[in-house]
C-alpha cells in the first residue's frame, strides 16, 4: 500500500478521534432549569456532581411557571428542578418528561428584612413603617403562592393589598428586599441560610401550618434526546445522600 494511503488513513482516524471527543464534550453538559429558591443550594450540589462524574452543568434560574412555559415552547433544558409538584406534573401529563416527578425536598417560607430595628412577624406587616411587602408572583412562583396563603389565613390580604410588590421569581423578590426597595418580604429559608446572605438582615420562619407544604419536584425532560444519559445521572444525584445533606444545610426538609 502506498505511503500516501497510510497518511490519509491516519488523518481520517485523527479526525474521527477529535470529532468523537468533541461530541462527548458537548453532550456531557447538562442544562438545568431551576426554581429561583434553589439558586444557592444547587451550586454546591452541582459542584459535587461534576467532581464525581466529570459532567458539567449550566444552571438557568427563574420561576417554575416561566420555566414550564419555556419547556413547552421547546427550550433546550435537560432537567427541571421545580419549586412545587404542580408544574412538573403538568409537564409529565403533557408528555414532556421521561417519568412522573418525584419530591426531592420540602421548602420553608420566611419573612426577611434588611431594615434595622424593623419587627419581623406577620402581625407587624400592618406597621406604618412598612410601605412595601415583597413576594414572588403567585401565578408562576410557588413561594409567592405560599405567601399569599399566609396572608389570607391571617385575614391580612385586603388590608395589605396596596403594599404588596410582586417579583417575577424569588430571585427578584430577594433583590427588592436586599436593596430595601421593599422594607420586608417573603422568601425561601434557603436564601437567608446561604453563605452569601447568612447574617444579613433579620428573618423569621413562617409557621408550616400557615401554608400548603411546598413539595418541590424534579423531572428529566423527554425532548432532550441528546443528553438523557447525563441528565439521568444528575437527576439521580439530586436524590442522593450527598445532595440531601446539602439541602438540609440550606433549611430544606428531605425526610418527610
C-alpha atoms as a PDB file:
ATOM      1  CA  UNK A   1       0.000   0.000   0.000  1.00  0.00           C
ATOM      2  CA  UNK A   2       1.468   3.420  -0.943  1.00  0.00           C
ATOM      3  CA  UNK A   3       2.761   5.701   1.815  1.00  0.00           C
ATOM      4  CA  UNK A   4       0.257   8.409   0.962  1.00  0.00           C
ATOM      5  CA  UNK A   5      -2.569   5.942   1.655  1.00  0.00           C
ATOM      6  CA  UNK A   6      -1.322   5.402   5.198  1.00  0.00           C
ATOM      7  CA  UNK A   7      -1.108   9.165   5.668  1.00  0.00           C
ATOM      8  CA  UNK A   8      -4.723   9.641   4.514  1.00  0.00           C
ATOM      9  CA  UNK A   9      -5.943   6.850   6.793  1.00  0.00           C
ATOM     10  CA  UNK A  10      -4.024   8.428   9.672  1.00  0.00           C
ATOM     11  CA  UNK A  11      -5.580  11.827   9.065  1.00  0.00           C
ATOM     12  CA  UNK A  12      -9.060  10.290   8.929  1.00  0.00           C
ATOM     13  CA  UNK A  13      -8.528   8.403  12.201  1.00  0.00           C
ATOM     14  CA  UNK A  14      -7.269  11.547  13.947  1.00  0.00           C
ATOM     15  CA  UNK A  15     -10.277  13.478  12.686  1.00  0.00           C
ATOM     16  CA  UNK A  16     -12.623  10.768  13.938  1.00  0.00           C
ATOM     17  CA  UNK A  17     -10.996  10.730  17.379  1.00  0.00           C
ATOM     18  CA  UNK A  18     -11.173  14.508  17.736  1.00  0.00           C
ATOM     19  CA  UNK A  19     -14.693  14.534  16.359  1.00  0.00           C
ATOM     20  CA  UNK A  20     -15.864  11.943  18.876  1.00  0.00           C
ATOM     21  CA  UNK A  21     -14.142  13.727  21.721  1.00  0.00           C
ATOM     22  CA  UNK A  22     -15.794  16.994  20.723  1.00  0.00           C
ATOM     23  CA  UNK A  23     -19.192  15.298  20.590  1.00  0.00           C
ATOM     24  CA  UNK A  24     -18.718  13.720  24.027  1.00  0.00           C
ATOM     25  CA  UNK A  25     -17.627  17.026  25.497  1.00  0.00           C
ATOM     26  CA  UNK A  26     -20.706  18.734  24.100  1.00  0.00           C
ATOM     27  CA  UNK A  27     -23.126  16.014  25.237  1.00  0.00           C
ATOM     28  CA  UNK A  28     -21.613  15.818  28.741  1.00  0.00           C
ATOM     29  CA  UNK A  29     -23.058  19.218  29.644  1.00  0.00           C
ATOM     30  CA  UNK A  30     -26.402  19.153  31.479  1.00  0.00           C
ATOM     31  CA  UNK A  31     -28.636  22.223  31.286  1.00  0.00           C
ATOM     32  CA  UNK A  32     -30.720  22.580  34.437  1.00  0.00           C
ATOM     33  CA  UNK A  33     -33.751  24.861  34.638  1.00  0.00           C
ATOM     34  CA  UNK A  34     -34.287  25.557  38.331  1.00  0.00           C
ATOM     35  CA  UNK A  35     -36.662  27.483  40.545  1.00  0.00           C
ATOM     36  CA  UNK A  36     -35.088  30.645  41.966  1.00  0.00           C
ATOM     37  CA  UNK A  37     -35.274  29.394  45.567  1.00  0.00           C
ATOM     38  CA  UNK A  38     -32.688  26.734  44.618  1.00  0.00           C
ATOM     39  CA  UNK A  39     -30.138  29.278  43.399  1.00  0.00           C
ATOM     40  CA  UNK A  40     -27.771  28.833  46.335  1.00  0.00           C
ATOM     41  CA  UNK A  41     -28.315  25.163  47.235  1.00  0.00           C
ATOM     42  CA  UNK A  42     -27.788  23.893  43.694  1.00  0.00           C
ATOM     43  CA  UNK A  43     -24.333  25.472  43.470  1.00  0.00           C
ATOM     44  CA  UNK A  44     -22.635  23.050  45.887  1.00  0.00           C
ATOM     45  CA  UNK A  45     -24.783  20.139  44.635  1.00  0.00           C
ATOM     46  CA  UNK A  46     -23.616  20.733  41.066  1.00  0.00           C
ATOM     47  CA  UNK A  47     -20.027  21.129  42.260  1.00  0.00           C
ATOM     48  CA  UNK A  48     -20.145  17.712  43.965  1.00  0.00           C
ATOM     49  CA  UNK A  49     -21.845  16.119  40.960  1.00  0.00           C
ATOM     50  CA  UNK A  50     -19.274  17.454  38.483  1.00  0.00           C
ATOM     51  CA  UNK A  51     -16.443  16.415  40.779  1.00  0.00           C
ATOM     52  CA  UNK A  52     -17.768  12.836  40.840  1.00  0.00           C
ATOM     53  CA  UNK A  53     -18.801  12.449  37.208  1.00  0.00           C
ATOM     54  CA  UNK A  54     -16.848  14.989  35.177  1.00  0.00           C
ATOM     55  CA  UNK A  55     -20.157  16.184  33.732  1.00  0.00           C
ATOM     56  CA  UNK A  56     -20.511  19.975  33.703  1.00  0.00           C
ATOM     57  CA  UNK A  57     -23.813  21.751  34.302  1.00  0.00           C
ATOM     58  CA  UNK A  58     -25.355  25.014  33.163  1.00  0.00           C
ATOM     59  CA  UNK A  59     -27.864  26.479  35.612  1.00  0.00           C
ATOM     60  CA  UNK A  60     -30.784  28.601  34.375  1.00  0.00           C
ATOM     61  CA  UNK A  61     -32.707  30.275  37.207  1.00  0.00           C
ATOM     62  CA  UNK A  62     -36.288  31.558  37.089  1.00  0.00           C
ATOM     63  CA  UNK A  63     -39.817  30.988  38.299  1.00  0.00           C
ATOM     64  CA  UNK A  64     -41.218  27.471  37.998  1.00  0.00           C
ATOM     65  CA  UNK A  65     -44.146  28.702  35.908  1.00  0.00           C
ATOM     66  CA  UNK A  66     -41.908  30.542  33.467  1.00  0.00           C
ATOM     67  CA  UNK A  67     -39.622  27.526  33.056  1.00  0.00           C
ATOM     68  CA  UNK A  68     -42.654  25.330  32.392  1.00  0.00           C
ATOM     69  CA  UNK A  69     -43.844  27.634  29.611  1.00  0.00           C
ATOM     70  CA  UNK A  70     -40.340  27.692  28.118  1.00  0.00           C
ATOM     71  CA  UNK A  71     -40.098  23.891  28.149  1.00  0.00           C
ATOM     72  CA  UNK A  72     -43.447  23.608  26.377  1.00  0.00           C
ATOM     73  CA  UNK A  73     -42.111  26.008  23.752  1.00  0.00           C
ATOM     74  CA  UNK A  74     -39.074  23.799  23.163  1.00  0.00           C
ATOM     75  CA  UNK A  75     -36.394  25.317  25.397  1.00  0.00           C
ATOM     76  CA  UNK A  76     -33.322  23.011  25.378  1.00  0.00           C
ATOM     77  CA  UNK A  77     -33.376  22.125  29.076  1.00  0.00           C
ATOM     78  CA  UNK A  78     -32.298  18.670  30.264  1.00  0.00           C
ATOM     79  CA  UNK A  79     -33.583  18.706  33.854  1.00  0.00           C
ATOM     80  CA  UNK A  80     -36.281  20.807  35.519  1.00  0.00           C
ATOM     81  CA  UNK A  81     -35.868  21.395  39.269  1.00  0.00           C
ATOM     82  CA  UNK A  82     -39.147  22.975  40.324  1.00  0.00           C
ATOM     83  CA  UNK A  83     -40.368  24.673  43.497  1.00  0.00           C
ATOM     84  CA  UNK A  84     -43.532  22.572  43.520  1.00  0.00           C
ATOM     85  CA  UNK A  85     -45.090  19.399  42.107  1.00  0.00           C
ATOM     86  CA  UNK A  86     -47.792  21.070  40.021  1.00  0.00           C
ATOM     87  CA  UNK A  87     -45.604  22.382  37.209  1.00  0.00           C
ATOM     88  CA  UNK A  88     -43.506  19.231  36.680  1.00  0.00           C
ATOM     89  CA  UNK A  89     -46.704  17.147  36.915  1.00  0.00           C
ATOM     90  CA  UNK A  90     -48.269  19.301  34.195  1.00  0.00           C
ATOM     91  CA  UNK A  91     -45.230  18.673  32.004  1.00  0.00           C
ATOM     92  CA  UNK A  92     -45.420  14.930  32.616  1.00  0.00           C
ATOM     93  CA  UNK A  93     -49.140  14.803  31.845  1.00  0.00           C
ATOM     94  CA  UNK A  94     -48.497  16.619  28.559  1.00  0.00           C
ATOM     95  CA  UNK A  95     -45.722  14.230  27.532  1.00  0.00           C
ATOM     96  CA  UNK A  96     -42.669  16.445  28.067  1.00  0.00           C
ATOM     97  CA  UNK A  97     -40.861  14.328  30.687  1.00  0.00           C
ATOM     98  CA  UNK A  98     -39.386  10.834  30.833  1.00  0.00           C
ATOM     99  CA  UNK A  99     -41.206   9.936  34.066  1.00  0.00           C
ATOM    100  CA  UNK A 100     -43.505  11.436  36.717  1.00  0.00           C
ATOM    101  CA  UNK A 101     -41.899  13.994  39.059  1.00  0.00           C
ATOM    102  CA  UNK A 102     -40.516  12.976  42.427  1.00  0.00           C
ATOM    103  CA  UNK A 103     -40.171  15.142  45.527  1.00  0.00           C
ATOM    104  CA  UNK A 104     -36.534  15.970  46.286  1.00  0.00           C
ATOM    105  CA  UNK A 105     -37.208  18.452  49.125  1.00  0.00           C
ATOM    106  CA  UNK A 106     -39.786  20.462  51.061  1.00  0.00           C
ATOM    107  CA  UNK A 107     -39.225  24.215  51.146  1.00  0.00           C
ATOM    108  CA  UNK A 108     -39.695  26.607  54.051  1.00  0.00           C
ATOM    109  CA  UNK A 109     -41.069  30.142  53.866  1.00  0.00           C
ATOM    110  CA  UNK A 110     -39.633  33.075  55.840  1.00  0.00           C
ATOM    111  CA  UNK A 111     -40.148  36.808  56.297  1.00  0.00           C
ATOM    112  CA  UNK A 112     -36.935  38.765  55.705  1.00  0.00           C
ATOM    113  CA  UNK A 113     -35.930  42.401  56.136  1.00  0.00           C
ATOM    114  CA  UNK A 114     -32.739  44.410  55.712  1.00  0.00           C
ATOM    115  CA  UNK A 115     -34.142  47.381  57.676  1.00  0.00           C
ATOM    116  CA  UNK A 116     -32.541  47.647  61.110  1.00  0.00           C
ATOM    117  CA  UNK A 117     -34.964  47.620  64.026  1.00  0.00           C
ATOM    118  CA  UNK A 118     -37.987  46.612  61.930  1.00  0.00           C
ATOM    119  CA  UNK A 119     -40.068  43.935  63.690  1.00  0.00           C
ATOM    120  CA  UNK A 120     -40.240  40.724  61.655  1.00  0.00           C
ATOM    121  CA  UNK A 121     -43.576  38.987  62.133  1.00  0.00           C
ATOM    122  CA  UNK A 122     -46.904  38.523  60.408  1.00  0.00           C
ATOM    123  CA  UNK A 123     -48.539  40.860  62.921  1.00  0.00           C
ATOM    124  CA  UNK A 124     -46.052  43.637  62.155  1.00  0.00           C
ATOM    125  CA  UNK A 125     -46.938  43.767  58.422  1.00  0.00           C
ATOM    126  CA  UNK A 126     -49.597  46.408  59.139  1.00  0.00           C
ATOM    127  CA  UNK A 127     -46.959  48.608  60.785  1.00  0.00           C
ATOM    128  CA  UNK A 128     -46.872  52.138  59.357  1.00  0.00           C
ATOM    129  CA  UNK A 129     -43.105  51.805  58.837  1.00  0.00           C
ATOM    130  CA  UNK A 130     -43.788  49.171  56.185  1.00  0.00           C
ATOM    131  CA  UNK A 131     -44.881  50.546  52.829  1.00  0.00           C
ATOM    132  CA  UNK A 132     -43.833  47.671  50.588  1.00  0.00           C
ATOM    133  CA  UNK A 133     -44.032  43.920  51.155  1.00  0.00           C
ATOM    134  CA  UNK A 134     -42.241  41.817  48.539  1.00  0.00           C
ATOM    135  CA  UNK A 135     -43.351  38.387  47.387  1.00  0.00           C
ATOM    136  CA  UNK A 136     -42.897  36.330  44.241  1.00  0.00           C
ATOM    137  CA  UNK A 137     -45.665  36.307  41.643  1.00  0.00           C
ATOM    138  CA  UNK A 138     -48.148  33.701  42.952  1.00  0.00           C
ATOM    139  CA  UNK A 139     -49.240  32.902  39.384  1.00  0.00           C
ATOM    140  CA  UNK A 140     -45.842  31.496  38.447  1.00  0.00           C
ATOM    141  CA  UNK A 141     -43.833  31.100  41.676  1.00  0.00           C
ATOM    142  CA  UNK A 142     -44.872  28.526  44.336  1.00  0.00           C
ATOM    143  CA  UNK A 143     -43.248  30.523  47.153  1.00  0.00           C
ATOM    144  CA  UNK A 144     -45.339  33.516  46.135  1.00  0.00           C
ATOM    145  CA  UNK A 145     -48.463  31.373  46.248  1.00  0.00           C
ATOM    146  CA  UNK A 146     -47.485  30.160  49.728  1.00  0.00           C
ATOM    147  CA  UNK A 147     -47.003  33.776  50.878  1.00  0.00           C
ATOM    148  CA  UNK A 148     -50.465  34.642  49.589  1.00  0.00           C
ATOM    149  CA  UNK A 149     -51.922  31.704  51.542  1.00  0.00           C
ATOM    150  CA  UNK A 150     -50.271  33.041  54.713  1.00  0.00           C
ATOM    151  CA  UNK A 151     -51.806  36.496  54.254  1.00  0.00           C
ATOM    152  CA  UNK A 152     -55.233  35.001  53.567  1.00  0.00           C
ATOM    153  CA  UNK A 153     -55.055  32.722  56.597  1.00  0.00           C
ATOM    154  CA  UNK A 154     -54.277  35.676  58.860  1.00  0.00           C
ATOM    155  CA  UNK A 155     -57.005  37.814  57.263  1.00  0.00           C
ATOM    156  CA  UNK A 156     -54.491  40.394  56.045  1.00  0.00           C
ATOM    157  CA  UNK A 157     -54.822  40.240  52.280  1.00  0.00           C
ATOM    158  CA  UNK A 158     -57.357  43.055  51.935  1.00  0.00           C
ATOM    159  CA  UNK A 159     -55.630  45.422  54.351  1.00  0.00           C
ATOM    160  CA  UNK A 160     -52.188  44.822  52.812  1.00  0.00           C
ATOM    161  CA  UNK A 161     -53.020  44.559  49.100  1.00  0.00           C
ATOM    162  CA  UNK A 162     -51.752  48.091  48.364  1.00  0.00           C
ATOM    163  CA  UNK A 163     -48.407  47.291  49.998  1.00  0.00           C
ATOM    164  CA  UNK A 164     -47.696  44.138  48.013  1.00  0.00           C
ATOM    165  CA  UNK A 165     -44.888  44.247  45.448  1.00  0.00           C
ATOM    166  CA  UNK A 166     -44.533  41.210  43.183  1.00  0.00           C
ATOM    167  CA  UNK A 167     -41.227  39.886  41.900  1.00  0.00           C
ATOM    168  CA  UNK A 168     -41.106  37.679  38.822  1.00  0.00           C
ATOM    169  CA  UNK A 169     -39.492  34.990  40.965  1.00  0.00           C
ATOM    170  CA  UNK A 170     -37.990  34.503  44.419  1.00  0.00           C
ATOM    171  CA  UNK A 171     -34.749  35.813  42.914  1.00  0.00           C
ATOM    172  CA  UNK A 172     -36.228  39.185  42.002  1.00  0.00           C
ATOM    173  CA  UNK A 173     -38.103  39.292  45.298  1.00  0.00           C
ATOM    174  CA  UNK A 174     -34.768  38.900  47.092  1.00  0.00           C
ATOM    175  CA  UNK A 175     -33.437  41.892  45.170  1.00  0.00           C
ATOM    176  CA  UNK A 176     -36.370  44.011  46.347  1.00  0.00           C
ATOM    177  CA  UNK A 177     -35.718  43.017  49.959  1.00  0.00           C
ATOM    178  CA  UNK A 178     -31.928  43.234  49.843  1.00  0.00           C
ATOM    179  CA  UNK A 179     -31.961  46.677  48.209  1.00  0.00           C
ATOM    180  CA  UNK A 180     -34.627  47.860  50.692  1.00  0.00           C
ATOM    181  CA  UNK A 181     -36.949  48.731  47.810  1.00  0.00           C
ATOM    182  CA  UNK A 182     -39.344  46.712  49.956  1.00  0.00           C
ATOM    183  CA  UNK A 183     -38.980  47.052  53.704  1.00  0.00           C
ATOM    184  CA  UNK A 184     -39.821  43.376  54.197  1.00  0.00           C
ATOM    185  CA  UNK A 185     -40.758  40.353  52.120  1.00  0.00           C
ATOM    186  CA  UNK A 186     -41.409  36.638  51.850  1.00  0.00           C
ATOM    187  CA  UNK A 187     -38.637  34.372  50.572  1.00  0.00           C
ATOM    188  CA  UNK A 188     -37.221  30.861  50.927  1.00  0.00           C
ATOM    189  CA  UNK A 189     -35.337  29.873  54.066  1.00  0.00           C
ATOM    190  CA  UNK A 190     -32.626  28.543  51.745  1.00  0.00           C
ATOM    191  CA  UNK A 191     -31.862  32.125  50.731  1.00  0.00           C
ATOM    192  CA  UNK A 192     -31.257  33.511  54.228  1.00  0.00           C
ATOM    193  CA  UNK A 193     -29.205  30.434  55.197  1.00  0.00           C
ATOM    194  CA  UNK A 194     -26.948  30.661  52.146  1.00  0.00           C
ATOM    195  CA  UNK A 195     -23.293  31.668  52.698  1.00  0.00           C
ATOM    196  CA  UNK A 196     -23.923  34.733  50.540  1.00  0.00           C
ATOM    197  CA  UNK A 197     -26.827  36.009  52.687  1.00  0.00           C
ATOM    198  CA  UNK A 198     -26.289  34.428  56.090  1.00  0.00           C
ATOM    199  CA  UNK A 199     -26.226  37.051  58.849  1.00  0.00           C
ATOM    200  CA  UNK A 200     -27.575  39.799  56.593  1.00  0.00           C
ATOM    201  CA  UNK A 201     -30.742  41.454  57.877  1.00  0.00           C
ATOM    202  CA  UNK A 202     -33.276  39.736  60.108  1.00  0.00           C
ATOM    203  CA  UNK A 203     -35.712  36.962  59.319  1.00  0.00           C
ATOM    204  CA  UNK A 204     -38.406  34.828  60.911  1.00  0.00           C
ATOM    205  CA  UNK A 205     -39.617  31.384  59.939  1.00  0.00           C
ATOM    206  CA  UNK A 206     -43.293  31.193  58.980  1.00  0.00           C
ATOM    207  CA  UNK A 207     -45.336  28.509  60.709  1.00  0.00           C
ATOM    208  CA  UNK A 208     -45.639  25.438  58.454  1.00  0.00           C
ATOM    209  CA  UNK A 209     -49.361  25.195  59.210  1.00  0.00           C
ATOM    210  CA  UNK A 210     -49.979  28.629  57.641  1.00  0.00           C
ATOM    211  CA  UNK A 211     -49.460  27.387  54.073  1.00  0.00           C
ATOM    212  CA  UNK A 212     -49.679  24.265  51.935  1.00  0.00           C
ATOM    213  CA  UNK A 213     -46.422  22.261  52.178  1.00  0.00           C
ATOM    214  CA  UNK A 214     -44.002  23.355  49.453  1.00  0.00           C
ATOM    215  CA  UNK A 215     -43.283  19.960  47.891  1.00  0.00           C
ATOM    216  CA  UNK A 216     -40.506  20.525  45.374  1.00  0.00           C
ATOM    217  CA  UNK A 217     -40.281  18.105  42.452  1.00  0.00           C
ATOM    218  CA  UNK A 218     -37.848  17.404  39.636  1.00  0.00           C
ATOM    219  CA  UNK A 219     -38.087  15.768  36.203  1.00  0.00           C
ATOM    220  CA  UNK A 220     -35.911  14.870  33.233  1.00  0.00           C
ATOM    221  CA  UNK A 221     -37.116  16.495  30.020  1.00  0.00           C
ATOM    222  CA  UNK A 222     -38.007  13.953  27.345  1.00  0.00           C
ATOM    223  CA  UNK A 223     -37.260  16.232  24.412  1.00  0.00           C
ATOM    224  CA  UNK A 224     -33.585  16.264  25.385  1.00  0.00           C
ATOM    225  CA  UNK A 225     -32.704  13.084  23.456  1.00  0.00           C
ATOM    226  CA  UNK A 226     -29.077  14.108  23.004  1.00  0.00           C
ATOM    227  CA  UNK A 227     -28.441  14.226  26.724  1.00  0.00           C
ATOM    228  CA  UNK A 228     -30.760  11.840  28.571  1.00  0.00           C
ATOM    229  CA  UNK A 229     -27.955   9.672  29.965  1.00  0.00           C
ATOM    230  CA  UNK A 230     -26.166  12.626  31.597  1.00  0.00           C
ATOM    231  CA  UNK A 231     -29.475  14.176  32.669  1.00  0.00           C
ATOM    232  CA  UNK A 232     -30.480  10.904  34.360  1.00  0.00           C
ATOM    233  CA  UNK A 233     -27.187  10.861  36.245  1.00  0.00           C
ATOM    234  CA  UNK A 234     -27.774  14.360  37.620  1.00  0.00           C
ATOM    235  CA  UNK A 235     -31.395  13.541  38.458  1.00  0.00           C
ATOM    236  CA  UNK A 236     -30.310  10.505  40.498  1.00  0.00           C
ATOM    237  CA  UNK A 237     -27.614  12.535  42.237  1.00  0.00           C
ATOM    238  CA  UNK A 238     -30.203  15.119  43.302  1.00  0.00           C
ATOM    239  CA  UNK A 239     -31.816  12.350  45.388  1.00  0.00           C
ATOM    240  CA  UNK A 240     -28.540  11.003  46.779  1.00  0.00           C
ATOM    241  CA  UNK A 241     -27.475  11.227  50.415  1.00  0.00           C
ATOM    242  CA  UNK A 242     -24.738  13.697  49.429  1.00  0.00           C
ATOM    243  CA  UNK A 243     -27.294  16.059  47.908  1.00  0.00           C
ATOM    244  CA  UNK A 244     -29.675  15.590  50.853  1.00  0.00           C
ATOM    245  CA  UNK A 245     -27.001  16.727  53.305  1.00  0.00           C
ATOM    246  CA  UNK A 246     -26.525  19.927  51.312  1.00  0.00           C
ATOM    247  CA  UNK A 247     -30.281  20.522  51.050  1.00  0.00           C
ATOM    248  CA  UNK A 248     -30.637  20.149  54.828  1.00  0.00           C
ATOM    249  CA  UNK A 249     -27.867  22.693  55.361  1.00  0.00           C
ATOM    250  CA  UNK A 250     -29.985  25.167  53.378  1.00  0.00           C
ATOM    251  CA  UNK A 251     -33.072  24.560  55.507  1.00  0.00           C
ATOM    252  CA  UNK A 252     -34.919  22.135  53.263  1.00  0.00           C
ATOM    253  CA  UNK A 253     -36.649  19.108  54.714  1.00  0.00           C
ATOM    254  CA  UNK A 254     -35.826  15.886  52.871  1.00  0.00           C
ATOM    255  CA  UNK A 255     -37.071  13.183  55.243  1.00  0.00           C
ATOM    256  CA  UNK A 256     -40.850  13.657  55.138  1.00  0.00           C
END
